[in-house]
């Protein structure tokens, strides 16, 4: 610090003020006071002192050397890649690399101000404006929230750290903006849906982005459609990876499915939506039980219908059952007939019995079966009852007719035997 000391005048020095000086007669004198010059000099020295004092108080060769060992030791931004409009959390770790030798006055650093961002990556949180000390070999973390409304590209915002004792630290870091969304595609579905039949659908969800996304959820909705499960949590989907998801669909009406994938990029919510049409038709691969060789007989007012059921489809028909529908009234002994499982190209015989009003000319015969998911599928075929013939196979007839015939045959054979034997003996 600059200082100034004032000494009293020595008594031996002659007082040269105008008051005490002798002036010759007739001589004009001018009074020049020394005080204005003295005051100006004093103000100049004080001003110089104020200009120099702050720098002299903090900035020293030691503090400059110590500041040169302060560096950004790590940096993260979450999310690592932003969508336009996303906010992100940027974290900087600043390390004081000076060794701890006990001279904390020169090895410790004092941070007066810290901030991050520019016109492209805008700071939306506060700056660090309170002085803080970072001791030797210590690390301090600075966290900022930033926002971007810029299009795709790579931007280089600035992190700056003002040091009280030696200038500032500047650190540029890249921030990427990429608006590529997740992708969804249907991998497997039936060629056509069948009303009331449950079918599996498999979709693939892919992440073509350069960063992971989290909280991935698949939701499937539709009117008049039962979906199981209707919502599935998939968690984190890594960058450049994909996952397959399967759900079942049982449609009652031909309405489209809406498939929605929700996910978070950092703390920012995003989603994609895709529609899957539901159209009814015949499944080309499903089982197809067909009746053939149908015969109708009547006995005592009860119709007996016999025939074969052949599976003309490409999958197994499970629990194949044959029964007569209204206006028929099922009767014992075969109110319904269970054939069981029929593999492709396999067949089984059946017989059903029923009664019907005299005016009935046609009766529907139903064939029902279950697919691999347990769905019950049915088909119908009308048969004509007007052409039924009486069943004579079970008529009682004459109980002595057959034994009589046998006896006659035996008698004829015996007579022929004795006749030939007598003829030989003659």
Protein backbone atom coordinates (compact mmCIF):
# COMPACT_ATOMS: atom_id res chain seq x y z
CA UNK A 1 0.00 0.00 0.00
CA UNK A 2 1.17 3.35 -0.89
CA UNK A 3 1.80 5.63 2.15
CA UNK A 4 2.84 9.21 2.82
CA UNK A 5 4.64 10.76 5.91
CA UNK A 6 4.79 14.55 6.68
CA UNK A 7 7.86 15.94 8.66
CA UNK A 8 7.80 19.17 10.74
CA UNK A 9 10.20 21.98 9.51
CA UNK A 10 13.58 22.17 11.17
CA UNK A 11 13.90 25.32 13.34
CA UNK A 12 17.28 26.03 11.78
CA UNK A 13 15.72 26.53 8.41
CA UNK A 14 14.79 30.02 7.68
CA UNK A 15 11.12 30.83 7.25
CA UNK A 16 10.74 32.02 3.69
CA UNK A 17 7.11 32.92 3.76
CA UNK A 18 6.18 36.31 2.36
CA UNK A 19 5.08 37.41 5.75
CA UNK A 20 8.55 37.20 7.16
CA UNK A 21 10.59 38.25 4.16
CA UNK A 22 11.95 41.84 3.83
CA UNK A 23 10.97 43.56 0.65
CA UNK A 24 12.96 46.47 -0.67
CA UNK A 25 11.05 49.72 -0.97
CA UNK A 26 9.37 50.28 -4.27
CA UNK A 27 9.52 46.63 -5.19
CA UNK A 28 6.21 44.89 -6.25
CA UNK A 29 5.58 41.56 -4.63
CA UNK A 30 3.42 38.55 -5.74
CA UNK A 31 2.02 36.21 -3.09
CA UNK A 32 2.26 32.54 -4.29
CA UNK A 33 0.79 30.21 -1.68
CA UNK A 34 2.27 26.67 -1.72
CA UNK A 35 -1.01 25.02 -0.56
CA UNK A 36 -2.77 24.51 -3.94
CA UNK A 37 0.21 22.65 -5.40
CA UNK A 38 0.53 20.57 -2.26
CA UNK A 39 -3.17 19.57 -2.40
CA UNK A 40 -3.01 18.60 -6.05
CA UNK A 41 -0.03 16.37 -5.38
CA UNK A 42 -1.83 14.73 -2.49
CA UNK A 43 -4.95 13.99 -4.59
CA UNK A 44 -2.82 12.51 -7.37
CA UNK A 45 -1.04 10.18 -4.95
CA UNK A 46 -4.34 9.06 -3.38
CA UNK A 47 -5.89 8.42 -6.80
CA UNK A 48 -2.94 6.31 -7.86
CA UNK A 49 -3.27 4.42 -4.62
CA UNK A 50 -6.94 3.58 -5.26
CA UNK A 51 -6.15 2.33 -8.75
CA UNK A 52 -3.37 0.07 -7.58
CA UNK A 53 -4.72 -1.22 -4.28
CA UNK A 54 -7.17 -3.97 -5.57
CA UNK A 55 -4.68 -5.53 -7.95
CA UNK A 56 -1.96 -5.38 -5.41
CA UNK A 57 -4.26 -7.01 -2.83
CA UNK A 58 -5.11 -10.24 -4.85
CA UNK A 59 -3.24 -10.71 -8.10
CA UNK A 60 0.19 -12.05 -7.35
CA UNK A 61 2.58 -14.28 -9.27
CA UNK A 62 1.64 -17.15 -6.93
CA UNK A 63 -2.08 -16.76 -7.54
CA UNK A 64 -1.55 -16.73 -11.31
CA UNK A 65 0.48 -19.94 -11.13
CA UNK A 66 -2.16 -21.55 -8.89
CA UNK A 67 -4.97 -20.56 -11.27
CA UNK A 68 -3.14 -22.23 -14.15
CA UNK A 69 -3.71 -25.62 -12.47
CA UNK A 70 -7.49 -25.22 -12.29
CA UNK A 71 -9.31 -27.21 -14.99
CA UNK A 72 -12.66 -28.76 -16.00
CA UNK A 73 -12.24 -32.41 -14.98
CA UNK A 74 -15.56 -33.72 -16.31
CA UNK A 75 -18.66 -32.63 -18.20
CA UNK A 76 -22.03 -34.28 -18.78
CA UNK A 77 -25.29 -33.21 -20.40
CA UNK A 78 -28.58 -35.04 -19.97
CA UNK A 79 -29.99 -35.83 -22.44
CA UNK A 80 -26.82 -36.29 -24.46
CA UNK A 81 -28.66 -35.37 -27.69
CA UNK A 82 -31.57 -32.90 -27.64
CA UNK A 83 -34.72 -32.51 -29.68
CA UNK A 84 -35.60 -28.97 -30.72
CA UNK A 85 -37.43 -27.49 -27.73
CA UNK A 86 -35.81 -29.83 -25.19
CA UNK A 87 -34.30 -28.71 -21.92
CA UNK A 88 -31.13 -30.35 -20.64
CA UNK A 89 -29.05 -30.44 -17.48
CA UNK A 90 -25.37 -29.61 -17.99
CA UNK A 91 -22.94 -30.51 -15.19
CA UNK A 92 -19.35 -29.29 -14.97
CA UNK A 93 -16.80 -30.50 -12.45
CA UNK A 94 -13.97 -28.03 -11.80
CA UNK A 95 -10.85 -29.38 -10.08
CA UNK A 96 -8.10 -27.44 -8.33
CA UNK A 97 -4.99 -29.38 -9.27
CA UNK A 98 -2.66 -27.59 -6.88
CA UNK A 99 -1.03 -29.83 -4.26
CA UNK A 100 -1.86 -29.32 -0.63
CA UNK A 101 1.35 -28.00 0.90
CA UNK A 102 -0.29 -25.89 3.57
CA UNK A 103 -0.01 -22.61 1.69
CA UNK A 104 -3.74 -22.28 1.11
CA UNK A 105 -3.44 -18.57 0.40
CA UNK A 106 -1.73 -19.29 -2.90
CA UNK A 107 -2.96 -22.81 -3.67
CA UNK A 108 -6.67 -22.32 -3.00
CA UNK A 109 -8.82 -20.52 -5.56
CA UNK A 110 -11.84 -18.28 -5.13
CA UNK A 111 -14.61 -18.40 -7.74
CA UNK A 112 -16.68 -15.23 -8.06
CA UNK A 113 -18.95 -16.17 -10.98
CA UNK A 114 -19.86 -19.22 -13.14
CA UNK A 115 -22.23 -19.49 -16.13
CA UNK A 116 -22.92 -21.57 -19.25
CA UNK A 117 -24.66 -21.06 -22.60
CA UNK A 118 -24.93 -18.80 -25.62
CA UNK A 119 -27.58 -17.61 -28.08
CA UNK A 120 -28.17 -21.18 -29.38
CA UNK A 121 -28.06 -23.11 -26.12
CA UNK A 122 -29.77 -20.70 -23.75
CA UNK A 123 -29.34 -20.72 -20.00
CA UNK A 124 -32.71 -21.02 -18.21
CA UNK A 125 -31.38 -21.51 -14.69
CA UNK A 126 -29.45 -19.05 -12.55
CA UNK A 127 -25.73 -18.37 -12.58
CA UNK A 128 -23.30 -18.85 -9.69
CA UNK A 129 -22.61 -15.36 -8.32
CA UNK A 130 -21.57 -16.10 -4.73
CA UNK A 131 -17.87 -16.31 -4.02
CA UNK A 132 -16.75 -19.81 -3.09
CA UNK A 133 -13.41 -21.37 -2.34
CA UNK A 134 -12.01 -24.51 -3.98
CA UNK A 135 -9.13 -25.85 -1.96
CA UNK A 136 -6.12 -27.80 -3.20
CA UNK A 137 -7.03 -31.12 -4.84
CA UNK A 138 -10.72 -30.36 -4.36
CA UNK A 139 -13.48 -30.52 -6.99
CA UNK A 140 -16.59 -28.36 -7.18
CA UNK A 141 -19.63 -29.11 -9.34
CA UNK A 142 -21.65 -26.53 -11.29
CA UNK A 143 -25.08 -27.52 -12.63
CA UNK A 144 -27.08 -25.55 -15.21
CA UNK A 145 -30.40 -25.96 -17.04
CA UNK A 146 -30.34 -25.00 -20.70
CA UNK A 147 -32.91 -24.85 -23.52
CA UNK A 148 -32.58 -24.98 -27.28
CA UNK A 149 -35.03 -24.05 -30.03
CA UNK A 150 -32.47 -24.55 -32.77
CA UNK A 151 -32.79 -27.11 -35.63
CA UNK A 152 -30.58 -30.17 -36.12
CA UNK A 153 -26.89 -29.46 -35.70
CA UNK A 154 -23.97 -29.26 -33.30
CA UNK A 155 -23.52 -26.14 -31.18
CA UNK A 156 -20.66 -25.01 -28.95
CA UNK A 157 -21.83 -23.03 -25.92
CA UNK A 158 -19.30 -21.58 -23.46
CA UNK A 159 -18.74 -22.43 -19.81
CA UNK A 160 -16.94 -19.62 -18.03
CA UNK A 161 -15.50 -19.37 -14.54
CA UNK A 162 -14.33 -16.05 -13.12
CA UNK A 163 -11.48 -16.39 -10.60
CA UNK A 164 -11.01 -13.63 -8.11
CA UNK A 165 -7.24 -13.87 -8.05
CA UNK A 166 -6.36 -14.55 -11.68
CA UNK A 167 -8.68 -13.88 -14.60
CA UNK A 168 -11.20 -16.42 -15.96
CA UNK A 169 -11.46 -20.01 -17.16
CA UNK A 170 -13.29 -20.65 -20.45
CA UNK A 171 -14.44 -24.09 -21.70
CA UNK A 172 -16.37 -24.78 -24.91
CA UNK A 173 -18.30 -28.05 -25.25
CA UNK A 174 -20.40 -29.50 -28.13
CA UNK A 175 -24.16 -29.90 -27.73
CA UNK A 176 -26.00 -31.92 -30.39
CA UNK A 177 -29.57 -31.34 -31.57
CA UNK A 178 -31.18 -34.24 -33.50
CA UNK A 179 -34.92 -34.57 -34.14
CA UNK A 180 -34.85 -38.24 -35.21
CA UNK A 181 -37.73 -40.01 -33.36
CA UNK A 182 -38.14 -43.65 -32.37
CA UNK A 183 -39.42 -46.05 -35.05
CA UNK A 184 -42.20 -48.65 -34.86
CA UNK A 185 -42.94 -51.40 -37.39
CA UNK A 186 -45.28 -54.42 -37.45
CA UNK A 187 -43.30 -57.66 -37.69
CA UNK A 188 -46.09 -60.22 -37.48
CA UNK A 189 -49.89 -60.14 -37.78
CA UNK A 190 -52.56 -62.35 -39.35
CA UNK A 191 -53.31 -61.85 -43.04
CA UNK A 192 -56.85 -61.02 -41.98
CA UNK A 193 -58.61 -60.89 -38.63
CA UNK A 194 -61.58 -63.07 -37.69
CA UNK A 195 -64.37 -61.66 -35.59
CA UNK A 196 -64.09 -62.98 -32.03
CA UNK A 197 -60.81 -64.81 -32.74
CA UNK A 198 -57.70 -63.93 -30.75
CA UNK A 199 -54.57 -63.40 -32.84
CA UNK A 200 -51.04 -62.34 -31.86
CA UNK A 201 -49.44 -59.16 -33.21
CA UNK A 202 -45.71 -58.43 -32.88
CA UNK A 203 -44.22 -54.96 -33.35
CA UNK A 204 -40.62 -53.78 -33.25
CA UNK A 205 -39.64 -50.53 -31.51
CA UNK A 206 -36.25 -49.18 -32.60
CA UNK A 207 -34.11 -46.30 -31.34
CA UNK A 208 -32.02 -44.86 -34.23
CA UNK A 209 -30.84 -41.94 -32.08
CA UNK A 210 -27.31 -41.36 -30.79
CA UNK A 211 -28.42 -41.43 -27.15
CA UNK A 212 -30.49 -43.67 -24.88
CA UNK A 213 -34.14 -42.92 -24.16
CA UNK A 214 -35.95 -44.01 -21.01
CA UNK A 215 -39.44 -44.84 -19.70
CA UNK A 216 -40.50 -46.40 -23.01
CA UNK A 217 -44.17 -47.48 -22.87
CA UNK A 218 -46.28 -49.15 -25.59
CA UNK A 219 -50.04 -48.54 -25.42
CA UNK A 220 -52.55 -50.17 -27.80
CA UNK A 221 -56.19 -49.03 -27.96
CA UNK A 222 -59.16 -49.58 -30.24
CA UNK A 223 -62.97 -49.47 -30.31
CA UNK A 224 -64.64 -52.87 -30.03
CA UNK A 225 -61.25 -54.59 -29.70
CA UNK A 226 -59.79 -56.46 -26.74
CA UNK A 227 -56.01 -56.08 -26.45
CA UNK A 228 -53.91 -58.01 -23.94
CA UNK A 229 -51.81 -56.49 -22.54
CA UNK A 230 -53.04 -53.07 -23.58
CA UNK A 231 -49.98 -51.33 -22.07
CA UNK A 232 -46.42 -52.57 -21.62
CA UNK A 233 -43.48 -50.86 -19.89
CA UNK A 234 -40.22 -51.44 -21.76
CA UNK A 235 -37.87 -49.22 -19.70
CA UNK A 236 -34.68 -47.89 -21.29
CA UNK A 237 -33.97 -48.36 -24.99
CA UNK A 238 -30.29 -47.93 -25.82
CA UNK A 239 -29.02 -45.98 -28.79
CA UNK A 240 -29.08 -47.88 -32.11
CA UNK A 241 -31.00 -50.81 -30.62
CA UNK A 242 -34.46 -52.37 -31.00
CA UNK A 243 -36.87 -54.56 -29.04
CA UNK A 244 -39.83 -56.72 -30.07
CA UNK A 245 -43.19 -56.59 -28.29
CA UNK A 246 -46.10 -59.05 -28.71
CA UNK A 247 -49.73 -58.54 -27.73
CA UNK A 248 -52.98 -60.34 -28.57
CA UNK A 249 -55.94 -58.82 -30.41
CA UNK A 250 -59.54 -60.09 -30.24
CA UNK A 251 -61.71 -57.87 -32.49
CA UNK A 252 -65.48 -57.66 -32.23
CA UNK A 253 -65.75 -54.86 -34.78
CA UNK A 254 -63.61 -53.93 -37.76
CA UNK A 255 -62.03 -50.77 -36.30
CA UNK A 256 -58.36 -49.75 -36.44
CA UNK A 257 -55.90 -50.14 -33.60
CA UNK A 258 -53.94 -47.12 -32.36
CA UNK A 259 -50.42 -48.00 -31.19
CA UNK A 260 -48.63 -45.29 -29.18
CA UNK A 261 -45.03 -45.36 -27.96
CA UNK A 262 -44.25 -42.84 -25.22
CA UNK A 263 -40.69 -42.17 -24.10
CA UNK A 264 -38.54 -39.61 -22.29
CA UNK A 265 -35.47 -37.89 -23.70
CA UNK A 266 -33.96 -36.76 -20.43
CA UNK A 267 -36.90 -35.08 -18.67
CA UNK A 268 -38.63 -34.25 -21.97
CA UNK A 269 -41.72 -36.26 -23.02
CA UNK A 270 -42.03 -37.51 -26.61
CA UNK A 271 -44.23 -40.03 -28.45
CA UNK A 272 -44.91 -41.68 -31.80
CA UNK A 273 -48.27 -43.04 -33.04
CA UNK A 274 -49.07 -45.68 -35.67
CA UNK A 275 -52.40 -47.16 -36.81
CA UNK A 276 -53.06 -50.83 -37.58
CA UNK A 277 -56.19 -51.53 -39.69
CA UNK A 278 -58.51 -54.36 -38.57
CA UNK A 279 -60.31 -56.04 -41.47
CA UNK A 280 -62.38 -59.22 -41.23
CA UNK A 281 -61.94 -62.18 -43.54
CA UNK A 282 -60.99 -65.84 -43.63
CA UNK A 283 -57.67 -66.83 -42.23
CA UNK A 284 -55.86 -68.79 -44.89
CA UNK A 285 -54.04 -70.90 -42.29
CA UNK A 286 -56.85 -71.66 -39.86
CA UNK A 287 -58.48 -75.08 -39.44
CA UNK A 288 -61.45 -75.76 -41.73
CA UNK A 289 -63.67 -78.72 -40.67
CA UNK A 290 -65.87 -79.90 -43.58
CA UNK A 291 -68.73 -82.46 -43.43
CA UNK A 292 -69.06 -85.19 -46.05
CA UNK A 293 -70.83 -88.54 -46.63
CA UNK A 294 -73.91 -87.28 -44.77
CA UNK A 295 -76.80 -89.74 -44.49
CA UNK A 296 -80.17 -89.11 -42.85
CA UNK A 297 -82.42 -91.88 -41.50
CA UNK A 298 -85.56 -91.75 -39.36
CA UNK A 299 -86.80 -94.22 -36.79
CA UNK A 300 -89.82 -93.71 -34.57
CA UNK A 301 -89.80 -89.98 -35.30
CA UNK A 302 -86.08 -89.59 -34.39
CA UNK A 303 -83.64 -88.56 -37.09
CA UNK A 304 -80.22 -90.20 -37.24
CA UNK A 305 -77.61 -88.17 -39.12
CA UNK A 306 -74.24 -89.77 -39.81
CA UNK A 307 -71.21 -88.58 -41.75
CA UNK A 308 -67.54 -87.59 -41.65
CA UNK A 309 -65.77 -84.36 -40.70
CA UNK A 310 -62.46 -83.65 -42.46
CA UNK A 311 -60.04 -80.85 -41.49
CA UNK A 312 -59.24 -79.12 -44.78
CA UNK A 313 -57.25 -76.34 -43.10
CA UNK A 314 -53.56 -75.92 -42.27
CA UNK A 315 -53.75 -75.95 -38.46
CA UNK A 316 -55.17 -78.41 -35.94
CA UNK A 317 -58.84 -78.18 -34.97
CA UNK A 318 -59.16 -79.03 -31.29
CA UNK A 319 -62.28 -80.38 -29.60
CA UNK A 320 -64.33 -80.84 -32.78
CA UNK A 321 -68.02 -81.22 -31.81
CA UNK A 322 -71.08 -81.85 -34.02
CA UNK A 323 -74.63 -80.95 -32.95
CA UNK A 324 -78.04 -80.14 -34.46
CA UNK A 325 -79.46 -76.63 -34.13
CA UNK A 326 -83.01 -75.28 -33.96
CA UNK A 327 -85.59 -76.16 -35.18
CA UNK A 328 -84.15 -79.57 -34.34
CA UNK A 329 -84.50 -80.85 -30.78
CA UNK A 330 -81.47 -82.99 -29.79
CA UNK A 331 -82.46 -86.46 -28.61
CA UNK A 332 -80.62 -89.35 -26.98
CA UNK A 333 -78.41 -91.18 -27.54
CA UNK A 334 -76.39 -88.60 -29.54
CA UNK A 335 -77.55 -85.09 -28.64
CA UNK A 336 -74.05 -83.98 -29.66
CA UNK A 337 -71.04 -85.89 -30.88
CA UNK A 338 -67.44 -85.14 -29.90
CA UNK A 339 -64.84 -86.14 -32.46
CA UNK A 340 -61.85 -84.57 -30.69
CA UNK A 341 -58.73 -83.10 -32.32
CA UNK A 342 -58.36 -83.22 -36.07
CA UNK A 343 -54.98 -82.50 -37.60
CA UNK A 344 -54.74 -81.09 -41.14
CA UNK A 345 -56.16 -83.64 -43.66
CA UNK A 346 -57.42 -85.86 -40.82
CA UNK A 347 -61.10 -86.92 -40.52
CA UNK A 348 -63.50 -88.45 -38.00
CA UNK A 349 -67.02 -89.94 -38.16
CA UNK A 350 -70.03 -88.63 -36.24
CA UNK A 351 -73.68 -89.38 -35.50
CA UNK A 352 -76.30 -87.03 -34.06
CA UNK A 353 -79.93 -87.74 -33.20
CA UNK A 354 -82.77 -85.27 -32.98
CA UNK A 355 -86.47 -84.81 -33.48
CA UNK A 356 -88.18 -82.16 -35.55
CA UNK A 357 -91.67 -80.96 -36.46
CA UNK A 358 -93.37 -82.55 -39.46
CA UNK A 359 -93.13 -79.26 -41.36
CA UNK A 360 -89.36 -79.13 -40.99
CA UNK A 361 -87.52 -79.80 -44.23
CA UNK A 362 -84.04 -78.58 -43.37
CA UNK A 363 -82.01 -78.67 -40.16
CA UNK A 364 -78.66 -76.87 -39.61
CA UNK A 365 -75.83 -79.07 -38.36
CA UNK A 366 -73.12 -77.15 -36.51
CA UNK A 367 -69.45 -78.09 -36.35
CA UNK A 368 -67.52 -76.24 -33.64
CA UNK A 369 -63.83 -76.39 -32.69
CA UNK A 370 -61.16 -74.54 -30.71
CA UNK A 371 -57.99 -72.99 -32.11
CA UNK A 372 -54.62 -73.01 -30.36
CA UNK A 373 -55.63 -69.99 -28.25
CA UNK A 374 -58.89 -71.57 -27.10
CA UNK A 375 -61.13 -69.47 -29.31
CA UNK A 376 -64.33 -71.34 -30.30
CA UNK A 377 -65.04 -71.20 -34.04
CA UNK A 378 -68.18 -72.61 -35.66
CA UNK A 379 -69.47 -73.51 -39.10
CA UNK A 380 -72.91 -74.69 -40.20
CA UNK A 381 -74.31 -76.89 -42.95
CA UNK A 382 -78.00 -77.48 -43.70
CA UNK A 383 -79.21 -81.04 -44.30
CA UNK A 384 -82.52 -82.09 -45.82
CA UNK A 385 -84.85 -84.10 -43.58
CA UNK A 386 -87.45 -84.62 -46.32
CA UNK A 387 -85.34 -87.28 -47.99
CA UNK A 388 -84.81 -89.32 -44.81
CA UNK A 389 -85.51 -93.01 -45.29
CA UNK A 390 -86.71 -95.44 -42.63
CA UNK A 391 -83.95 -97.20 -40.75
CA UNK A 392 -84.52 -100.92 -41.38
CA UNK A 393 -81.31 -102.09 -39.87
CA UNK A 394 -82.89 -102.15 -36.46
CA UNK A 395 -86.40 -103.55 -37.46
CA UNK A 396 -87.36 -106.56 -35.26
CA UNK A 397 -88.53 -108.88 -38.17
CA UNK A 398 -89.33 -112.65 -37.62
CA UNK A 399 -87.14 -114.07 -34.86
CA UNK A 400 -87.49 -117.65 -36.30
CA UNK A 401 -86.50 -116.69 -39.83
CA UNK A 402 -82.75 -116.93 -39.47
CA UNK A 403 -82.69 -120.11 -37.36
CA UNK A 404 -85.11 -121.75 -39.81
CA UNK A 405 -82.89 -120.94 -42.70
CA UNK A 406 -79.93 -122.43 -40.89
CA UNK A 407 -81.86 -125.59 -40.08
CA UNK A 408 -82.99 -125.96 -43.68
CA UNK A 409 -79.42 -125.60 -44.90
CA UNK A 410 -78.22 -128.20 -42.43
CA UNK A 411 -81.00 -130.63 -43.38
CA UNK A 412 -80.24 -130.17 -47.06
CA UNK A 413 -76.57 -130.78 -46.48
CA UNK A 414 -77.29 -133.85 -44.37
CA UNK A 415 -79.70 -135.28 -46.92
CA UNK A 416 -77.21 -134.78 -49.68
CA UNK A 417 -74.57 -136.54 -47.60
CA UNK A 418 -76.70 -139.59 -46.85
CA UNK A 419 -77.89 -139.73 -50.46
CA UNK A 420 -74.33 -139.87 -51.77
CA UNK A 421 -73.33 -142.46 -49.16
CA UNK A 422 -76.25 -144.78 -50.00
CA UNK A 423 -75.50 -144.46 -53.66
CA UNK A 424 -71.92 -145.60 -53.10
CA UNK A 425 -73.04 -148.60 -51.06
CA UNK A 426 -75.31 -149.90 -53.79
